[in-house]
């Protein structure tokens, strides 16, 4: 087990370091070392490294870690290995909230009022959080009323809510201002192209804080894996613990969606791999997911910005393509 952790840690450390060499602009090892040490001779190289390359790598790692931890939490509290922020409606809810904010702030009325850039930076994550929480509450209500309150059926409610909220987002894009809608469409595909240095600090605080809280609640989440009745006998308030976990996942996903758009299936794939590699205990799962998820997303982003010359593929397209195949593989194993 110790050797497995060492391998995982080395992968997580090496991914950000090696990915700094990949991008539209070529940076040598000497140039990167000079930029890190503060003695970079070329101001352009210094700007590329500190304002573009380094923040993007760090945000990519945090996005992968956050989505993986959120997916692991959803799978454990719902006892459903197919649960994922993307399939659970959280991403769609956050996307709807962020779409509303983006379209309103890019509207002629907002331009007439002369809203500052800070309004956009605040409104986008707040709207995404409201949308994500709305999706969680809606899934809970549907699971209790329409699907008989069975936890096994919560994923069905999540899929239904995801399609419904995605349809609302698409309708808003259809009736909205074409220029603003075009910007939002690219953003909803999931991309790290517009990452700025301050995003890394915000996401670090959110991902680290949410992961730490979930880590503290690890034994209680493990109790939920035994079943609701068994968890109650162990002194766990099942309803409160499940809702708290879902709200933490909603906030974590909303922060990521508000800055990077909809990136799907990362929270589905990584927990399955870590569970097979390290075990099912929640605390072990969360740390392993954070490390492997960050490693995975860093290299997905490298592929996204280097696969096509002069163009960039939205990372959400790549993760969805990989994740859909992984989803079918998991379904096939469940039927076997």
Protein backbone atom coordinates (compact mmCIF):
# COMPACT_ATOMS: atom_id res chain seq x y z
CA UNK A 1 0.00 0.00 0.00
CA UNK A 2 2.85 2.37 0.82
CA UNK A 3 4.38 1.83 -2.63
CA UNK A 4 1.05 2.69 -4.26
CA UNK A 5 0.89 5.98 -2.39
CA UNK A 6 4.45 6.82 -3.40
CA UNK A 7 3.63 6.17 -7.08
CA UNK A 8 0.47 8.27 -6.87
CA UNK A 9 2.29 11.11 -5.15
CA UNK A 10 5.07 11.09 -7.75
CA UNK A 11 2.51 11.19 -10.55
CA UNK A 12 0.71 14.12 -8.93
CA UNK A 13 3.95 16.08 -8.43
CA UNK A 14 5.44 15.34 -11.84
CA UNK A 15 2.33 16.27 -13.86
CA UNK A 16 2.35 20.03 -13.10
CA UNK A 17 6.14 20.24 -13.45
CA UNK A 18 6.36 18.47 -16.81
CA UNK A 19 3.26 20.16 -18.23
CA UNK A 20 4.94 23.56 -17.90
CA UNK A 21 7.01 22.69 -20.98
CA UNK A 22 3.94 22.24 -23.22
CA UNK A 23 2.06 25.06 -24.91
CA UNK A 24 1.80 27.31 -27.93
CA UNK A 25 5.00 29.10 -26.88
CA UNK A 26 8.14 27.04 -26.37
CA UNK A 27 9.81 27.51 -22.99
CA UNK A 28 13.09 25.76 -22.28
CA UNK A 29 14.10 24.32 -18.92
CA UNK A 30 16.55 27.20 -18.41
CA UNK A 31 13.86 29.77 -19.16
CA UNK A 32 11.42 28.17 -16.71
CA UNK A 33 14.10 28.02 -14.02
CA UNK A 34 14.92 31.70 -14.59
CA UNK A 35 11.24 32.66 -14.39
CA UNK A 36 10.79 30.73 -11.15
CA UNK A 37 13.92 32.29 -9.64
CA UNK A 38 12.84 35.77 -10.73
CA UNK A 39 15.74 36.34 -13.09
CA UNK A 40 14.05 35.86 -16.45
CA UNK A 41 15.81 38.01 -19.06
CA UNK A 42 12.90 38.13 -21.52
CA UNK A 43 9.80 39.91 -20.12
CA UNK A 44 7.61 38.13 -22.69
CA UNK A 45 8.71 34.71 -21.43
CA UNK A 46 8.14 35.90 -17.87
CA UNK A 47 4.59 37.00 -18.75
CA UNK A 48 3.84 33.74 -20.57
CA UNK A 49 5.02 31.69 -17.61
CA UNK A 50 3.48 33.60 -14.68
CA UNK A 51 0.32 34.98 -16.28
CA UNK A 52 -0.66 32.11 -18.60
CA UNK A 53 1.20 28.81 -18.24
CA UNK A 54 1.64 28.48 -14.46
CA UNK A 55 -1.90 29.59 -13.44
CA UNK A 56 -3.42 27.31 -16.04
CA UNK A 57 -1.52 24.27 -14.82
CA UNK A 58 -2.40 24.97 -11.20
CA UNK A 59 -6.09 25.56 -11.97
CA UNK A 60 -6.17 22.41 -14.08
CA UNK A 61 -4.83 20.36 -11.17
CA UNK A 62 -7.34 21.91 -8.75
CA UNK A 63 -10.25 21.36 -11.14
CA UNK A 64 -9.39 17.68 -11.53
CA UNK A 65 -8.93 17.27 -7.78
CA UNK A 66 -12.17 19.06 -6.90
CA UNK A 67 -14.37 17.22 -9.39
CA UNK A 68 -12.88 13.86 -8.37
CA UNK A 69 -13.49 14.48 -4.67
CA UNK A 70 -17.04 15.65 -5.40
CA UNK A 71 -17.70 12.53 -7.46
CA UNK A 72 -16.31 10.23 -4.77
CA UNK A 73 -18.51 11.92 -2.17
CA UNK A 74 -21.65 11.60 -4.28
CA UNK A 75 -20.95 7.94 -4.97
CA UNK A 76 -20.47 7.17 -1.28
CA UNK A 77 -23.40 9.10 0.15
CA UNK A 78 -25.79 7.74 -2.49
CA UNK A 79 -24.21 4.25 -2.55
CA UNK A 80 -24.27 4.46 -6.34
CA UNK A 81 -21.05 4.01 -8.28
CA UNK A 82 -22.50 5.89 -11.27
CA UNK A 83 -23.07 9.14 -9.37
CA UNK A 84 -21.15 12.13 -10.70
CA UNK A 85 -21.59 15.93 -10.49
CA UNK A 86 -22.27 15.96 -14.23
CA UNK A 87 -24.90 13.19 -14.13
CA UNK A 88 -26.30 14.34 -10.79
CA UNK A 89 -27.52 17.67 -12.10
CA UNK A 90 -25.07 19.78 -10.10
CA UNK A 91 -23.04 20.85 -13.14
CA UNK A 92 -26.21 21.61 -15.12
CA UNK A 93 -27.60 23.68 -12.25
CA UNK A 94 -24.37 25.60 -11.82
CA UNK A 95 -24.19 26.07 -15.57
CA UNK A 96 -27.72 27.45 -15.69
CA UNK A 97 -27.00 29.94 -12.92
CA UNK A 98 -23.75 31.04 -14.50
CA UNK A 99 -25.39 31.30 -17.93
CA UNK A 100 -28.08 33.60 -16.57
CA UNK A 101 -25.46 35.81 -14.92
CA UNK A 102 -23.22 35.85 -18.01
CA UNK A 103 -26.07 36.75 -20.37
CA UNK A 104 -27.41 39.47 -18.08
CA UNK A 105 -23.99 41.01 -17.50
CA UNK A 106 -23.25 40.95 -21.25
CA UNK A 107 -26.62 42.47 -22.14
CA UNK A 108 -27.03 46.01 -23.50
CA UNK A 109 -28.77 46.99 -20.26
CA UNK A 110 -25.71 46.07 -18.21
CA UNK A 111 -23.51 48.03 -20.63
CA UNK A 112 -25.81 51.00 -20.24
CA UNK A 113 -25.45 50.87 -16.48
CA UNK A 114 -21.68 50.61 -16.79
CA UNK A 115 -21.26 47.70 -14.41
CA UNK A 116 -17.61 47.19 -13.38
CA UNK A 117 -15.64 44.04 -14.14
CA UNK A 118 -15.74 43.14 -10.45
CA UNK A 119 -19.51 42.68 -10.73
CA UNK A 120 -18.98 39.94 -13.30
CA UNK A 121 -16.31 38.24 -11.15
CA UNK A 122 -18.68 38.18 -8.16
CA UNK A 123 -21.98 37.47 -9.92
CA UNK A 124 -20.75 34.48 -11.92
CA UNK A 125 -19.67 32.21 -9.02
CA UNK A 126 -22.58 33.33 -6.84
CA UNK A 127 -25.08 32.55 -9.59
CA UNK A 128 -23.40 29.20 -10.24
CA UNK A 129 -23.62 28.34 -6.54
CA UNK A 130 -27.31 29.25 -6.42
CA UNK A 131 -27.98 27.12 -9.49
CA UNK A 132 -26.06 24.16 -8.07
CA UNK A 133 -27.90 24.31 -4.74
CA UNK A 134 -31.19 24.60 -6.61
CA UNK A 135 -30.32 21.43 -8.54
CA UNK A 136 -29.46 19.54 -5.33
CA UNK A 137 -32.73 20.55 -3.67
CA UNK A 138 -34.69 19.66 -6.81
CA UNK A 139 -33.04 16.23 -7.00
CA UNK A 140 -33.89 15.61 -3.35
CA UNK A 141 -37.53 16.60 -3.83
CA UNK A 142 -37.89 14.43 -6.92
CA UNK A 143 -36.21 11.46 -5.28
CA UNK A 144 -38.58 11.66 -2.32
CA UNK A 145 -41.83 12.36 -4.16
CA UNK A 146 -41.64 10.88 -7.66
CA UNK A 147 -39.18 8.02 -7.02
CA UNK A 148 -40.48 6.94 -3.63
CA UNK A 149 -37.61 8.26 -1.57
CA UNK A 150 -35.27 5.36 -2.40
CA UNK A 151 -31.63 6.42 -2.41
CA UNK A 152 -30.94 4.04 -5.28
CA UNK A 153 -33.21 6.12 -7.49
CA UNK A 154 -31.60 9.45 -6.68
CA UNK A 155 -29.34 9.16 -9.72
CA UNK A 156 -32.41 8.88 -11.96
CA UNK A 157 -33.70 12.12 -10.48
CA UNK A 158 -30.28 13.69 -11.05
CA UNK A 159 -30.25 12.71 -14.72
CA UNK A 160 -33.76 14.11 -15.20
CA UNK A 161 -32.82 17.39 -13.50
CA UNK A 162 -29.60 17.60 -15.52
CA UNK A 163 -31.46 17.32 -18.83
CA UNK A 164 -34.11 19.80 -17.74
CA UNK A 165 -31.67 22.46 -16.54
CA UNK A 166 -29.45 21.95 -19.59
CA UNK A 167 -32.49 22.55 -21.78
CA UNK A 168 -33.22 25.79 -19.92
CA UNK A 169 -29.61 26.91 -20.43
CA UNK A 170 -29.83 26.17 -24.15
CA UNK A 171 -33.10 28.07 -24.42
CA UNK A 172 -31.55 31.12 -22.76
CA UNK A 173 -28.65 30.94 -25.18
CA UNK A 174 -31.09 30.74 -28.08
CA UNK A 175 -33.06 33.83 -27.08
CA UNK A 176 -30.11 35.78 -25.68
CA UNK A 177 -27.74 38.23 -27.32
CA UNK A 178 -25.82 36.32 -30.05
CA UNK A 179 -22.40 37.65 -29.03
CA UNK A 180 -22.92 36.91 -25.34
CA UNK A 181 -24.43 33.51 -26.17
CA UNK A 182 -21.41 32.61 -28.29
CA UNK A 183 -19.12 33.35 -25.37
CA UNK A 184 -21.25 31.29 -22.99
CA UNK A 185 -21.44 28.31 -25.37
CA UNK A 186 -17.64 28.01 -25.47
CA UNK A 187 -17.51 28.43 -21.70
CA UNK A 188 -20.15 25.72 -21.11
CA UNK A 189 -18.05 23.23 -23.10
CA UNK A 190 -15.46 23.44 -20.35
CA UNK A 191 -12.19 25.22 -20.93
CA UNK A 192 -9.16 26.52 -19.07
CA UNK A 193 -8.33 29.02 -21.81
CA UNK A 194 -9.51 32.05 -19.84
CA UNK A 195 -7.85 31.15 -16.57
CA UNK A 196 -6.23 34.01 -14.67
CA UNK A 197 -3.81 33.92 -11.77
CA UNK A 198 -6.39 34.93 -9.16
CA UNK A 199 -8.55 31.94 -10.11
CA UNK A 200 -5.89 29.58 -8.77
CA UNK A 201 -6.04 31.13 -5.31
CA UNK A 202 -9.83 31.13 -5.18
CA UNK A 203 -10.09 27.53 -6.36
CA UNK A 204 -7.32 26.45 -4.00
CA UNK A 205 -9.24 27.85 -1.04
CA UNK A 206 -12.50 26.23 -2.18
CA UNK A 207 -11.05 22.82 -3.11
CA UNK A 208 -8.81 22.59 -0.04
CA UNK A 209 -11.58 23.77 2.31
CA UNK A 210 -14.26 21.43 0.95
CA UNK A 211 -11.88 18.46 0.84
CA UNK A 212 -10.79 19.11 4.43
CA UNK A 213 -14.40 19.23 5.66
CA UNK A 214 -15.29 16.04 3.78
CA UNK A 215 -12.16 14.39 5.17
CA UNK A 216 -13.30 15.21 8.72
CA UNK A 217 -16.69 13.67 7.98
CA UNK A 218 -15.05 10.58 6.43
CA UNK A 219 -16.11 8.07 9.13
CA UNK A 220 -19.73 9.28 8.96
CA UNK A 221 -19.74 8.98 5.17
CA UNK A 222 -18.33 5.46 5.57
CA UNK A 223 -21.27 4.69 7.84
CA UNK A 224 -23.67 5.68 5.05
CA UNK A 225 -22.06 3.00 2.87
CA UNK A 226 -23.35 0.39 5.33
CA UNK A 227 -26.95 1.48 4.76
CA UNK A 228 -29.19 4.09 6.35
CA UNK A 229 -30.37 1.81 9.19
CA UNK A 230 -26.83 0.78 10.10
CA UNK A 231 -25.68 4.41 9.99
CA UNK A 232 -28.47 5.42 12.36
CA UNK A 233 -27.46 2.74 14.84
CA UNK A 234 -23.94 4.21 14.75
CA UNK A 235 -25.34 7.61 15.72
CA UNK A 236 -25.25 9.29 12.30
CA UNK A 237 -28.05 11.66 11.35
CA UNK A 238 -28.49 10.23 7.87
CA UNK A 239 -30.66 12.96 6.34
CA UNK A 240 -28.50 15.82 7.63
CA UNK A 241 -25.22 14.11 6.74
CA UNK A 242 -26.37 13.34 3.21
CA UNK A 243 -27.74 16.84 2.60
CA UNK A 244 -24.60 18.47 4.03
CA UNK A 245 -22.41 16.33 1.78
CA UNK A 246 -24.52 17.18 -1.25
CA UNK A 247 -24.36 20.91 -0.46
CA UNK A 248 -20.57 20.78 -0.08
CA UNK A 249 -20.34 19.02 -3.45
CA UNK A 250 -22.66 21.67 -4.91
CA UNK A 251 -20.44 24.50 -3.68
CA UNK A 252 -17.28 22.77 -4.86
CA UNK A 253 -18.72 22.05 -8.31
CA UNK A 254 -20.22 25.53 -8.61
CA UNK A 255 -16.86 27.18 -7.99
CA UNK A 256 -15.25 25.06 -10.70
CA UNK A 257 -18.09 25.56 -13.22
CA UNK A 258 -18.19 29.30 -12.62
CA UNK A 259 -14.56 29.67 -13.70
CA UNK A 260 -14.01 26.75 -16.11
CA UNK A 261 -17.43 25.73 -17.41
CA UNK A 262 -18.93 22.26 -17.53
CA UNK A 263 -16.30 19.51 -17.35
CA UNK A 264 -18.02 16.16 -17.13
CA UNK A 265 -17.23 12.57 -16.12
CA UNK A 266 -14.04 13.34 -14.19
CA UNK A 267 -15.95 12.71 -10.96
CA UNK A 268 -17.18 9.40 -12.34
CA UNK A 269 -13.93 7.91 -13.64
CA UNK A 270 -11.31 8.86 -11.06
CA UNK A 271 -13.11 7.51 -7.92
CA UNK A 272 -13.58 4.13 -9.61
CA UNK A 273 -9.88 3.90 -10.43
CA UNK A 274 -8.78 5.03 -6.96
CA UNK A 275 -11.25 2.67 -5.29
CA UNK A 276 -9.72 -0.30 -7.11
CA UNK A 277 -6.20 0.94 -6.42
CA UNK A 278 -6.39 2.04 -2.77
CA UNK A 279 -9.71 0.88 -1.28
CA UNK A 280 -13.16 2.21 -0.44
CA UNK A 281 -12.53 4.07 2.83
CA UNK A 282 -13.70 7.66 2.33
CA UNK A 283 -10.64 9.43 3.72
CA UNK A 284 -8.29 7.31 1.61
CA UNK A 285 -10.57 7.78 -1.38
CA UNK A 286 -10.67 11.58 -1.06
CA UNK A 287 -6.90 12.02 -0.89
CA UNK A 288 -6.30 9.53 -3.69
CA UNK A 289 -8.94 11.20 -5.88
CA UNK A 290 -7.42 14.64 -5.31
CA UNK A 291 -3.99 13.42 -6.42
CA UNK A 292 -5.06 11.28 -9.39
CA UNK A 293 -7.77 13.73 -10.50
CA UNK A 294 -5.26 16.57 -10.59
CA UNK A 295 -2.80 14.43 -12.55
CA UNK A 296 -5.50 13.44 -15.06
CA UNK A 297 -6.84 16.94 -15.69
CA UNK A 298 -3.38 18.47 -16.13
CA UNK A 299 -2.58 16.08 -18.97
CA UNK A 300 -6.05 16.41 -20.52
CA UNK A 301 -5.47 20.16 -20.68
CA UNK A 302 -2.02 19.63 -22.22
CA UNK A 303 -3.62 17.52 -24.94
CA UNK A 304 -6.38 20.11 -25.41
CA UNK A 305 -3.95 22.93 -26.15
CA UNK A 306 -1.40 20.99 -28.19
CA UNK A 307 -3.42 18.48 -30.26
CA UNK A 308 -4.41 21.01 -32.95
CA UNK A 309 -2.02 23.63 -34.27
CA UNK A 310 -3.32 27.13 -33.71
CA UNK A 311 -6.54 25.93 -32.07
CA UNK A 312 -7.61 24.63 -28.71
CA UNK A 313 -10.06 21.84 -27.92
CA UNK A 314 -12.37 22.51 -24.95
CA UNK A 315 -11.38 20.10 -22.18
CA UNK A 316 -15.03 19.28 -21.52
CA UNK A 317 -15.27 17.65 -24.95
CA UNK A 318 -12.26 15.43 -24.22
CA UNK A 319 -13.40 14.37 -20.74
CA UNK A 320 -16.91 13.65 -22.03
CA UNK A 321 -15.54 11.50 -24.84
CA UNK A 322 -13.35 9.50 -22.45
CA UNK A 323 -16.00 9.43 -19.73
CA UNK A 324 -18.77 8.11 -21.96
CA UNK A 325 -16.63 5.10 -22.88
CA UNK A 326 -15.73 4.60 -19.23
CA UNK A 327 -19.42 4.83 -18.28
CA UNK A 328 -20.32 2.08 -20.77
CA UNK A 329 -17.47 -0.06 -19.43
CA UNK A 330 -18.74 0.30 -15.85
CA UNK A 331 -22.28 -0.55 -16.95
CA UNK A 332 -21.02 -3.66 -18.74
CA UNK A 333 -19.12 -4.82 -15.66
CA UNK A 334 -22.21 -4.32 -13.52
CA UNK A 335 -24.27 -6.50 -15.84
CA UNK A 336 -21.62 -9.24 -15.99
